[in-house]
């Protein structure tokens, strides 16, 4: 057990944390705090900027932002984070390493699970502010942005829970965890969702069981292997080791892919 006081210089291992420890660590992470504070500010702006009779527009902005979020996440996760072009440039290699490669190299590390504010905040704004403005004016734009921020907090927490080495009691959450861990430990070219796999179903990347897809040779390195590192060395130079073909403690988590927690084996 540990008492969370600060994130500076700390490394957290989701494979060995309890839910209570995760909650404390989650609440003290600067990005999560920033999302909550900005959402509160945006909520205040909704009241200040809402036009007379504009409640319907504000409500529509909230609903649309909530519905658009899974589609935006799916598109970014599939085509940007799992794309093979960011590591090929020295200008974007560090960014790609930080926002996704390190997470797949070792899914247990909490500090590389969260998105970076420099990339998440502009993305949330682009995905929610324009549509909010169209349906609700300035107040709708603020409402859409606040919805995107709070949805991000929810997504991040669910993502953290999916990497804890425990099986959720609720069948629905256990199923989400199973699908997400299949993405990490079996085949990364599918099951891109976190809390919703509807886009995966729509665009043909959903697989219900590991039996339905072959194991991917690039599930842990996302295609950035030693051969690629020789041609595009920037990520490798920033790493402590050459790209790993499998993360540490793989055996501890492999059973969770088929829904079997370590304590049940």
C-alpha atoms as a PDB file:
ATOM      1  CA  UNK A   1       0.000   0.000   0.000  1.00  0.00           C
ATOM      2  CA  UNK A   2       1.199   3.548  -0.624  1.00  0.00           C
ATOM      3  CA  UNK A   3       0.087   7.058   0.186  1.00  0.00           C
ATOM      4  CA  UNK A   4      -0.119   9.194  -2.937  1.00  0.00           C
ATOM      5  CA  UNK A   5       1.216  12.694  -2.318  1.00  0.00           C
ATOM      6  CA  UNK A   6       2.738  13.648  -5.638  1.00  0.00           C
ATOM      7  CA  UNK A   7       3.325  12.183  -9.091  1.00  0.00           C
ATOM      8  CA  UNK A   8       6.751  13.773  -9.507  1.00  0.00           C
ATOM      9  CA  UNK A   9       9.294  11.049 -10.043  1.00  0.00           C
ATOM     10  CA  UNK A  10       6.788   8.266  -9.308  1.00  0.00           C
ATOM     11  CA  UNK A  11       6.096   5.152 -11.346  1.00  0.00           C
ATOM     12  CA  UNK A  12       2.870   3.245 -10.723  1.00  0.00           C
ATOM     13  CA  UNK A  13       2.329  -0.408 -11.632  1.00  0.00           C
ATOM     14  CA  UNK A  14      -1.302  -1.209 -12.421  1.00  0.00           C
ATOM     15  CA  UNK A  15      -0.531  -4.906 -12.225  1.00  0.00           C
ATOM     16  CA  UNK A  16       0.110  -4.545  -8.487  1.00  0.00           C
ATOM     17  CA  UNK A  17      -2.310  -1.773  -7.487  1.00  0.00           C
ATOM     18  CA  UNK A  18      -5.674  -2.061  -5.776  1.00  0.00           C
ATOM     19  CA  UNK A  19      -8.717  -0.104  -6.938  1.00  0.00           C
ATOM     20  CA  UNK A  20      -8.419   2.227  -3.922  1.00  0.00           C
ATOM     21  CA  UNK A  21      -4.782   2.945  -4.756  1.00  0.00           C
ATOM     22  CA  UNK A  22      -5.717   3.637  -8.356  1.00  0.00           C
ATOM     23  CA  UNK A  23      -8.442   6.091  -7.321  1.00  0.00           C
ATOM     24  CA  UNK A  24      -5.973   8.058  -5.194  1.00  0.00           C
ATOM     25  CA  UNK A  25      -3.337   8.107  -7.912  1.00  0.00           C
ATOM     26  CA  UNK A  26      -5.910   9.001 -10.571  1.00  0.00           C
ATOM     27  CA  UNK A  27      -7.251  11.936  -8.548  1.00  0.00           C
ATOM     28  CA  UNK A  28      -3.777  13.417  -8.080  1.00  0.00           C
ATOM     29  CA  UNK A  29      -2.642  13.239 -11.706  1.00  0.00           C
ATOM     30  CA  UNK A  30      -2.203  16.730 -13.151  1.00  0.00           C
ATOM     31  CA  UNK A  31      -4.006  16.032 -16.439  1.00  0.00           C
ATOM     32  CA  UNK A  32      -7.112  14.714 -14.684  1.00  0.00           C
ATOM     33  CA  UNK A  33      -7.142  17.727 -12.392  1.00  0.00           C
ATOM     34  CA  UNK A  34      -6.753  20.007 -15.413  1.00  0.00           C
ATOM     35  CA  UNK A  35      -9.719  18.385 -17.170  1.00  0.00           C
ATOM     36  CA  UNK A  36     -11.941  18.828 -14.124  1.00  0.00           C
ATOM     37  CA  UNK A  37     -10.927  22.448 -13.561  1.00  0.00           C
ATOM     38  CA  UNK A  38     -11.374  23.358 -17.233  1.00  0.00           C
ATOM     39  CA  UNK A  39     -14.759  21.586 -17.293  1.00  0.00           C
ATOM     40  CA  UNK A  40     -15.879  23.661 -14.313  1.00  0.00           C
ATOM     41  CA  UNK A  41     -14.735  26.858 -16.058  1.00  0.00           C
ATOM     42  CA  UNK A  42     -16.502  25.810 -19.256  1.00  0.00           C
ATOM     43  CA  UNK A  43     -19.631  25.076 -17.230  1.00  0.00           C
ATOM     44  CA  UNK A  44     -19.550  28.609 -15.879  1.00  0.00           C
ATOM     45  CA  UNK A  45     -19.167  29.961 -19.408  1.00  0.00           C
ATOM     46  CA  UNK A  46     -22.246  27.997 -20.472  1.00  0.00           C
ATOM     47  CA  UNK A  47     -24.276  30.036 -17.995  1.00  0.00           C
ATOM     48  CA  UNK A  48     -22.576  33.307 -18.926  1.00  0.00           C
ATOM     49  CA  UNK A  49     -22.799  32.833 -22.701  1.00  0.00           C
ATOM     50  CA  UNK A  50     -26.104  31.008 -23.057  1.00  0.00           C
ATOM     51  CA  UNK A  51     -28.545  32.948 -25.153  1.00  0.00           C
ATOM     52  CA  UNK A  52     -32.152  33.492 -23.967  1.00  0.00           C
ATOM     53  CA  UNK A  53     -34.118  30.395 -24.811  1.00  0.00           C
ATOM     54  CA  UNK A  54     -30.916  28.575 -25.743  1.00  0.00           C
ATOM     55  CA  UNK A  55     -31.283  25.655 -23.361  1.00  0.00           C
ATOM     56  CA  UNK A  56     -32.260  23.313 -26.187  1.00  0.00           C
ATOM     57  CA  UNK A  57     -29.117  24.210 -28.132  1.00  0.00           C
ATOM     58  CA  UNK A  58     -26.924  23.655 -25.087  1.00  0.00           C
ATOM     59  CA  UNK A  59     -28.547  20.287 -24.425  1.00  0.00           C
ATOM     60  CA  UNK A  60     -28.115  19.299 -28.068  1.00  0.00           C
ATOM     61  CA  UNK A  61     -24.426  20.251 -27.886  1.00  0.00           C
ATOM     62  CA  UNK A  62     -23.954  18.012 -24.845  1.00  0.00           C
ATOM     63  CA  UNK A  63     -25.676  15.050 -26.497  1.00  0.00           C
ATOM     64  CA  UNK A  64     -23.823  15.435 -29.798  1.00  0.00           C
ATOM     65  CA  UNK A  65     -20.450  15.823 -28.087  1.00  0.00           C
ATOM     66  CA  UNK A  66     -21.095  12.674 -26.067  1.00  0.00           C
ATOM     67  CA  UNK A  67     -22.073  10.711 -29.186  1.00  0.00           C
ATOM     68  CA  UNK A  68     -19.223  12.026 -31.336  1.00  0.00           C
ATOM     69  CA  UNK A  69     -16.538  11.233 -28.769  1.00  0.00           C
ATOM     70  CA  UNK A  70     -16.359   7.435 -29.394  1.00  0.00           C
ATOM     71  CA  UNK A  71     -16.072   8.021 -33.142  1.00  0.00           C
ATOM     72  CA  UNK A  72     -13.270  10.554 -32.724  1.00  0.00           C
ATOM     73  CA  UNK A  73     -11.417   8.272 -30.300  1.00  0.00           C
ATOM     74  CA  UNK A  74     -11.793   5.331 -32.687  1.00  0.00           C
ATOM     75  CA  UNK A  75     -10.456   7.299 -35.651  1.00  0.00           C
ATOM     76  CA  UNK A  76      -7.480   8.652 -33.685  1.00  0.00           C
ATOM     77  CA  UNK A  77      -6.685   5.323 -32.055  1.00  0.00           C
ATOM     78  CA  UNK A  78      -6.830   3.320 -35.266  1.00  0.00           C
ATOM     79  CA  UNK A  79      -5.333   5.665 -37.827  1.00  0.00           C
ATOM     80  CA  UNK A  80      -3.063   7.964 -35.823  1.00  0.00           C
ATOM     81  CA  UNK A  81      -1.862   6.115 -32.726  1.00  0.00           C
ATOM     82  CA  UNK A  82      -1.570   2.818 -34.603  1.00  0.00           C
ATOM     83  CA  UNK A  83      -0.355   4.412 -37.803  1.00  0.00           C
ATOM     84  CA  UNK A  84       3.238   3.807 -38.859  1.00  0.00           C
ATOM     85  CA  UNK A  85       4.188   7.286 -39.934  1.00  0.00           C
ATOM     86  CA  UNK A  86       4.703   9.243 -36.706  1.00  0.00           C
ATOM     87  CA  UNK A  87       7.815   7.269 -35.739  1.00  0.00           C
ATOM     88  CA  UNK A  88       9.316   7.798 -39.180  1.00  0.00           C
ATOM     89  CA  UNK A  89       9.998  11.482 -38.557  1.00  0.00           C
ATOM     90  CA  UNK A  90      12.300  12.913 -35.883  1.00  0.00           C
ATOM     91  CA  UNK A  91       9.717  15.684 -35.441  1.00  0.00           C
ATOM     92  CA  UNK A  92       6.935  13.339 -34.313  1.00  0.00           C
ATOM     93  CA  UNK A  93       8.801  10.262 -33.015  1.00  0.00           C
ATOM     94  CA  UNK A  94       8.964  11.518 -29.429  1.00  0.00           C
ATOM     95  CA  UNK A  95       5.264  12.371 -29.478  1.00  0.00           C
ATOM     96  CA  UNK A  96       4.275   8.921 -30.749  1.00  0.00           C
ATOM     97  CA  UNK A  97       6.494   7.220 -28.187  1.00  0.00           C
ATOM     98  CA  UNK A  98       4.905   9.209 -25.379  1.00  0.00           C
ATOM     99  CA  UNK A  99       1.260   8.944 -26.358  1.00  0.00           C
ATOM    100  CA  UNK A 100       1.030   5.282 -27.402  1.00  0.00           C
ATOM    101  CA  UNK A 101       4.166   3.222 -28.053  1.00  0.00           C
ATOM    102  CA  UNK A 102       5.240   3.160 -24.397  1.00  0.00           C
ATOM    103  CA  UNK A 103       1.735   2.131 -23.352  1.00  0.00           C
ATOM    104  CA  UNK A 104       1.805  -0.928 -25.613  1.00  0.00           C
ATOM    105  CA  UNK A 105       5.364  -1.780 -24.635  1.00  0.00           C
ATOM    106  CA  UNK A 106       4.287  -2.045 -20.993  1.00  0.00           C
ATOM    107  CA  UNK A 107       0.526  -1.679 -20.404  1.00  0.00           C
ATOM    108  CA  UNK A 108       1.089  -1.858 -16.627  1.00  0.00           C
ATOM    109  CA  UNK A 109       2.714   1.579 -16.354  1.00  0.00           C
ATOM    110  CA  UNK A 110       0.097   4.058 -15.229  1.00  0.00           C
ATOM    111  CA  UNK A 111       2.154   7.146 -16.001  1.00  0.00           C
ATOM    112  CA  UNK A 112       2.190   6.405 -19.756  1.00  0.00           C
ATOM    113  CA  UNK A 113      -1.463   5.401 -19.950  1.00  0.00           C
ATOM    114  CA  UNK A 114      -2.802   8.967 -19.819  1.00  0.00           C
ATOM    115  CA  UNK A 115      -2.786  11.187 -22.856  1.00  0.00           C
ATOM    116  CA  UNK A 116      -0.620  14.311 -22.888  1.00  0.00           C
ATOM    117  CA  UNK A 117      -2.450  17.619 -22.429  1.00  0.00           C
ATOM    118  CA  UNK A 118      -0.639  19.108 -25.417  1.00  0.00           C
ATOM    119  CA  UNK A 119      -2.435  16.629 -27.652  1.00  0.00           C
ATOM    120  CA  UNK A 120      -5.670  15.864 -25.790  1.00  0.00           C
ATOM    121  CA  UNK A 121      -6.913  19.398 -25.167  1.00  0.00           C
ATOM    122  CA  UNK A 122      -6.692  20.572 -28.812  1.00  0.00           C
ATOM    123  CA  UNK A 123      -8.294  17.308 -29.937  1.00  0.00           C
ATOM    124  CA  UNK A 124     -11.189  17.646 -27.501  1.00  0.00           C
ATOM    125  CA  UNK A 125     -11.696  21.252 -28.550  1.00  0.00           C
ATOM    126  CA  UNK A 126     -11.688  20.475 -32.282  1.00  0.00           C
ATOM    127  CA  UNK A 127     -14.103  17.569 -31.811  1.00  0.00           C
ATOM    128  CA  UNK A 128     -16.633  19.408 -29.633  1.00  0.00           C
ATOM    129  CA  UNK A 129     -16.429  23.203 -29.908  1.00  0.00           C
ATOM    130  CA  UNK A 130     -17.413  23.664 -33.585  1.00  0.00           C
ATOM    131  CA  UNK A 131     -20.432  21.355 -33.409  1.00  0.00           C
ATOM    132  CA  UNK A 132     -21.442  22.913 -30.101  1.00  0.00           C
ATOM    133  CA  UNK A 133     -21.263  26.368 -31.669  1.00  0.00           C
ATOM    134  CA  UNK A 134     -23.398  25.293 -34.622  1.00  0.00           C
ATOM    135  CA  UNK A 135     -26.262  24.000 -32.477  1.00  0.00           C
ATOM    136  CA  UNK A 136     -26.010  26.296 -29.457  1.00  0.00           C
ATOM    137  CA  UNK A 137     -23.813  29.298 -30.143  1.00  0.00           C
ATOM    138  CA  UNK A 138     -21.118  30.267 -27.638  1.00  0.00           C
ATOM    139  CA  UNK A 139     -22.953  28.562 -24.787  1.00  0.00           C
ATOM    140  CA  UNK A 140     -23.241  25.387 -26.834  1.00  0.00           C
ATOM    141  CA  UNK A 141     -19.540  25.507 -27.674  1.00  0.00           C
ATOM    142  CA  UNK A 142     -18.666  25.747 -23.977  1.00  0.00           C
ATOM    143  CA  UNK A 143     -21.112  22.939 -23.155  1.00  0.00           C
ATOM    144  CA  UNK A 144     -19.648  20.696 -25.830  1.00  0.00           C
ATOM    145  CA  UNK A 145     -16.116  21.335 -24.592  1.00  0.00           C
ATOM    146  CA  UNK A 146     -17.100  20.622 -20.978  1.00  0.00           C
ATOM    147  CA  UNK A 147     -18.767  17.385 -22.093  1.00  0.00           C
ATOM    148  CA  UNK A 148     -15.642  16.341 -23.963  1.00  0.00           C
ATOM    149  CA  UNK A 149     -13.458  17.036 -20.931  1.00  0.00           C
ATOM    150  CA  UNK A 150     -15.648  15.071 -18.514  1.00  0.00           C
ATOM    151  CA  UNK A 151     -16.015  12.226 -21.003  1.00  0.00           C
ATOM    152  CA  UNK A 152     -12.230  12.112 -21.225  1.00  0.00           C
ATOM    153  CA  UNK A 153     -11.994  11.771 -17.441  1.00  0.00           C
ATOM    154  CA  UNK A 154     -14.479   8.900 -17.589  1.00  0.00           C
ATOM    155  CA  UNK A 155     -12.612   7.213 -20.451  1.00  0.00           C
ATOM    156  CA  UNK A 156      -9.263   7.562 -18.714  1.00  0.00           C
ATOM    157  CA  UNK A 157     -10.579   6.030 -15.507  1.00  0.00           C
ATOM    158  CA  UNK A 158     -12.195   3.108 -17.329  1.00  0.00           C
ATOM    159  CA  UNK A 159      -8.953   2.622 -19.245  1.00  0.00           C
ATOM    160  CA  UNK A 160      -7.019   2.476 -15.962  1.00  0.00           C
ATOM    161  CA  UNK A 161      -9.430  -0.051 -14.468  1.00  0.00           C
ATOM    162  CA  UNK A 162      -9.094  -2.241 -17.548  1.00  0.00           C
ATOM    163  CA  UNK A 163      -5.390  -2.607 -16.803  1.00  0.00           C
ATOM    164  CA  UNK A 164      -5.750  -3.480 -13.136  1.00  0.00           C
ATOM    165  CA  UNK A 165      -4.964  -7.137 -12.534  1.00  0.00           C
ATOM    166  CA  UNK A 166      -8.471  -7.895 -11.269  1.00  0.00           C
ATOM    167  CA  UNK A 167     -11.710  -8.960 -12.908  1.00  0.00           C
ATOM    168  CA  UNK A 168     -14.610  -6.476 -12.499  1.00  0.00           C
ATOM    169  CA  UNK A 169     -17.648  -7.842 -10.692  1.00  0.00           C
ATOM    170  CA  UNK A 170     -20.085  -6.353 -13.180  1.00  0.00           C
ATOM    171  CA  UNK A 171     -20.404  -8.544 -16.252  1.00  0.00           C
ATOM    172  CA  UNK A 172     -20.588  -5.537 -18.581  1.00  0.00           C
ATOM    173  CA  UNK A 173     -17.327  -4.034 -17.270  1.00  0.00           C
ATOM    174  CA  UNK A 174     -15.647  -7.443 -17.297  1.00  0.00           C
ATOM    175  CA  UNK A 175     -16.574  -7.783 -20.964  1.00  0.00           C
ATOM    176  CA  UNK A 176     -15.151  -4.358 -21.823  1.00  0.00           C
ATOM    177  CA  UNK A 177     -11.933  -5.285 -20.038  1.00  0.00           C
ATOM    178  CA  UNK A 178     -11.704  -8.582 -21.902  1.00  0.00           C
ATOM    179  CA  UNK A 179     -12.097  -6.871 -25.274  1.00  0.00           C
ATOM    180  CA  UNK A 180      -9.554  -4.179 -24.461  1.00  0.00           C
ATOM    181  CA  UNK A 181      -6.945  -6.612 -23.166  1.00  0.00           C
ATOM    182  CA  UNK A 182      -7.349  -8.636 -26.354  1.00  0.00           C
ATOM    183  CA  UNK A 183      -6.278  -5.471 -28.172  1.00  0.00           C
ATOM    184  CA  UNK A 184      -3.163  -5.282 -25.974  1.00  0.00           C
ATOM    185  CA  UNK A 185      -2.194  -8.934 -25.630  1.00  0.00           C
ATOM    186  CA  UNK A 186      -3.559 -10.711 -28.703  1.00  0.00           C
ATOM    187  CA  UNK A 187      -4.142  -8.549 -31.775  1.00  0.00           C
ATOM    188  CA  UNK A 188      -3.845  -4.764 -31.766  1.00  0.00           C
ATOM    189  CA  UNK A 189      -5.501  -4.381 -35.181  1.00  0.00           C
ATOM    190  CA  UNK A 190      -8.982  -4.426 -33.708  1.00  0.00           C
ATOM    191  CA  UNK A 191     -11.065  -3.653 -30.604  1.00  0.00           C
ATOM    192  CA  UNK A 192      -9.955  -0.027 -30.564  1.00  0.00           C
ATOM    193  CA  UNK A 193     -12.701   1.085 -28.193  1.00  0.00           C
ATOM    194  CA  UNK A 194     -12.504   1.739 -24.464  1.00  0.00           C
ATOM    195  CA  UNK A 195     -16.098   2.014 -23.234  1.00  0.00           C
ATOM    196  CA  UNK A 196     -17.851   1.597 -26.584  1.00  0.00           C
ATOM    197  CA  UNK A 197     -17.087  -0.905 -29.318  1.00  0.00           C
ATOM    198  CA  UNK A 198     -19.887   0.238 -31.594  1.00  0.00           C
ATOM    199  CA  UNK A 199     -17.444   1.922 -34.032  1.00  0.00           C
ATOM    200  CA  UNK A 200     -15.435  -1.311 -34.142  1.00  0.00           C
ATOM    201  CA  UNK A 201     -18.581  -3.195 -35.108  1.00  0.00           C
ATOM    202  CA  UNK A 202     -19.518  -0.588 -37.735  1.00  0.00           C
ATOM    203  CA  UNK A 203     -16.080  -0.482 -39.369  1.00  0.00           C
ATOM    204  CA  UNK A 204     -15.282  -4.191 -39.151  1.00  0.00           C
ATOM    205  CA  UNK A 205     -12.498  -4.178 -36.532  1.00  0.00           C
ATOM    206  CA  UNK A 206     -14.431  -5.840 -33.716  1.00  0.00           C
ATOM    207  CA  UNK A 207     -13.602  -9.369 -32.645  1.00  0.00           C
ATOM    208  CA  UNK A 208     -15.513 -11.032 -29.833  1.00  0.00           C
ATOM    209  CA  UNK A 209     -12.955 -13.703 -29.000  1.00  0.00           C
ATOM    210  CA  UNK A 210      -9.234 -14.268 -29.439  1.00  0.00           C
ATOM    211  CA  UNK A 211     -10.240 -17.400 -31.329  1.00  0.00           C
ATOM    212  CA  UNK A 212     -11.619 -15.202 -34.103  1.00  0.00           C
ATOM    213  CA  UNK A 213      -8.290 -13.605 -34.970  1.00  0.00           C
ATOM    214  CA  UNK A 214      -4.701 -14.841 -35.222  1.00  0.00           C
ATOM    215  CA  UNK A 215      -2.197 -13.572 -32.685  1.00  0.00           C
ATOM    216  CA  UNK A 216      -0.396 -10.511 -33.980  1.00  0.00           C
ATOM    217  CA  UNK A 217       3.401 -10.450 -34.074  1.00  0.00           C
ATOM    218  CA  UNK A 218       3.294  -6.675 -33.578  1.00  0.00           C
ATOM    219  CA  UNK A 219       0.821  -6.484 -30.690  1.00  0.00           C
ATOM    220  CA  UNK A 220       3.449  -5.077 -28.288  1.00  0.00           C
ATOM    221  CA  UNK A 221       5.723  -3.051 -30.575  1.00  0.00           C
ATOM    222  CA  UNK A 222       3.077  -1.758 -33.052  1.00  0.00           C
ATOM    223  CA  UNK A 223       5.375  -2.646 -35.931  1.00  0.00           C
ATOM    224  CA  UNK A 224       8.324  -0.701 -34.575  1.00  0.00           C
ATOM    225  CA  UNK A 225      10.718  -3.627 -34.320  1.00  0.00           C
ATOM    226  CA  UNK A 226      14.513  -3.743 -34.491  1.00  0.00           C
ATOM    227  CA  UNK A 227      14.434  -3.580 -38.298  1.00  0.00           C
ATOM    228  CA  UNK A 228      12.316  -0.442 -38.271  1.00  0.00           C
ATOM    229  CA  UNK A 229      14.449   1.006 -35.485  1.00  0.00           C
ATOM    230  CA  UNK A 230      17.516   0.613 -37.695  1.00  0.00           C
ATOM    231  CA  UNK A 231      15.860   2.756 -40.379  1.00  0.00           C
ATOM    232  CA  UNK A 232      14.058   5.151 -38.033  1.00  0.00           C
ATOM    233  CA  UNK A 233      16.180   5.270 -34.851  1.00  0.00           C
ATOM    234  CA  UNK A 234      14.597   8.211 -33.015  1.00  0.00           C
ATOM    235  CA  UNK A 235      12.183   6.251 -30.808  1.00  0.00           C
ATOM    236  CA  UNK A 236      14.864   3.670 -30.001  1.00  0.00           C
ATOM    237  CA  UNK A 237      17.295   6.422 -28.985  1.00  0.00           C
ATOM    238  CA  UNK A 238      14.721   7.759 -26.541  1.00  0.00           C
ATOM    239  CA  UNK A 239      14.071   4.321 -25.046  1.00  0.00           C
ATOM    240  CA  UNK A 240      15.983   2.462 -22.358  1.00  0.00           C
ATOM    241  CA  UNK A 241      16.016  -0.691 -24.471  1.00  0.00           C
ATOM    242  CA  UNK A 242      15.337  -1.926 -27.982  1.00  0.00           C
ATOM    243  CA  UNK A 243      11.641  -2.420 -28.819  1.00  0.00           C
ATOM    244  CA  UNK A 244      10.288  -5.396 -26.884  1.00  0.00           C
ATOM    245  CA  UNK A 245       8.328  -8.172 -28.594  1.00  0.00           C
ATOM    246  CA  UNK A 246       6.423  -8.767 -25.340  1.00  0.00           C
ATOM    247  CA  UNK A 247       6.018  -6.629 -22.210  1.00  0.00           C
ATOM    248  CA  UNK A 248       7.163  -7.507 -18.686  1.00  0.00           C
ATOM    249  CA  UNK A 249       4.896  -9.769 -16.620  1.00  0.00           C
ATOM    250  CA  UNK A 250       3.067 -10.907 -19.763  1.00  0.00           C
ATOM    251  CA  UNK A 251       2.054 -14.198 -18.162  1.00  0.00           C
ATOM    252  CA  UNK A 252       0.276 -12.403 -15.305  1.00  0.00           C
ATOM    253  CA  UNK A 253      -2.137 -10.724 -17.694  1.00  0.00           C
ATOM    254  CA  UNK A 254      -2.562 -13.262 -20.470  1.00  0.00           C
ATOM    255  CA  UNK A 255      -5.385 -15.004 -18.618  1.00  0.00           C
ATOM    256  CA  UNK A 256      -7.351 -11.774 -18.316  1.00  0.00           C
ATOM    257  CA  UNK A 257      -7.775 -11.727 -22.092  1.00  0.00           C
ATOM    258  CA  UNK A 258     -10.169 -14.659 -21.843  1.00  0.00           C
ATOM    259  CA  UNK A 259     -11.809 -13.235 -18.730  1.00  0.00           C
ATOM    260  CA  UNK A 260      -9.898 -15.216 -16.137  1.00  0.00           C
ATOM    261  CA  UNK A 261      -8.363 -13.156 -13.360  1.00  0.00           C
ATOM    262  CA  UNK A 262      -5.040 -14.258 -11.912  1.00  0.00           C
ATOM    263  CA  UNK A 263      -6.697 -14.979  -8.552  1.00  0.00           C
ATOM    264  CA  UNK A 264      -9.050 -17.408 -10.301  1.00  0.00           C
ATOM    265  CA  UNK A 265      -6.342 -19.488 -11.963  1.00  0.00           C
END
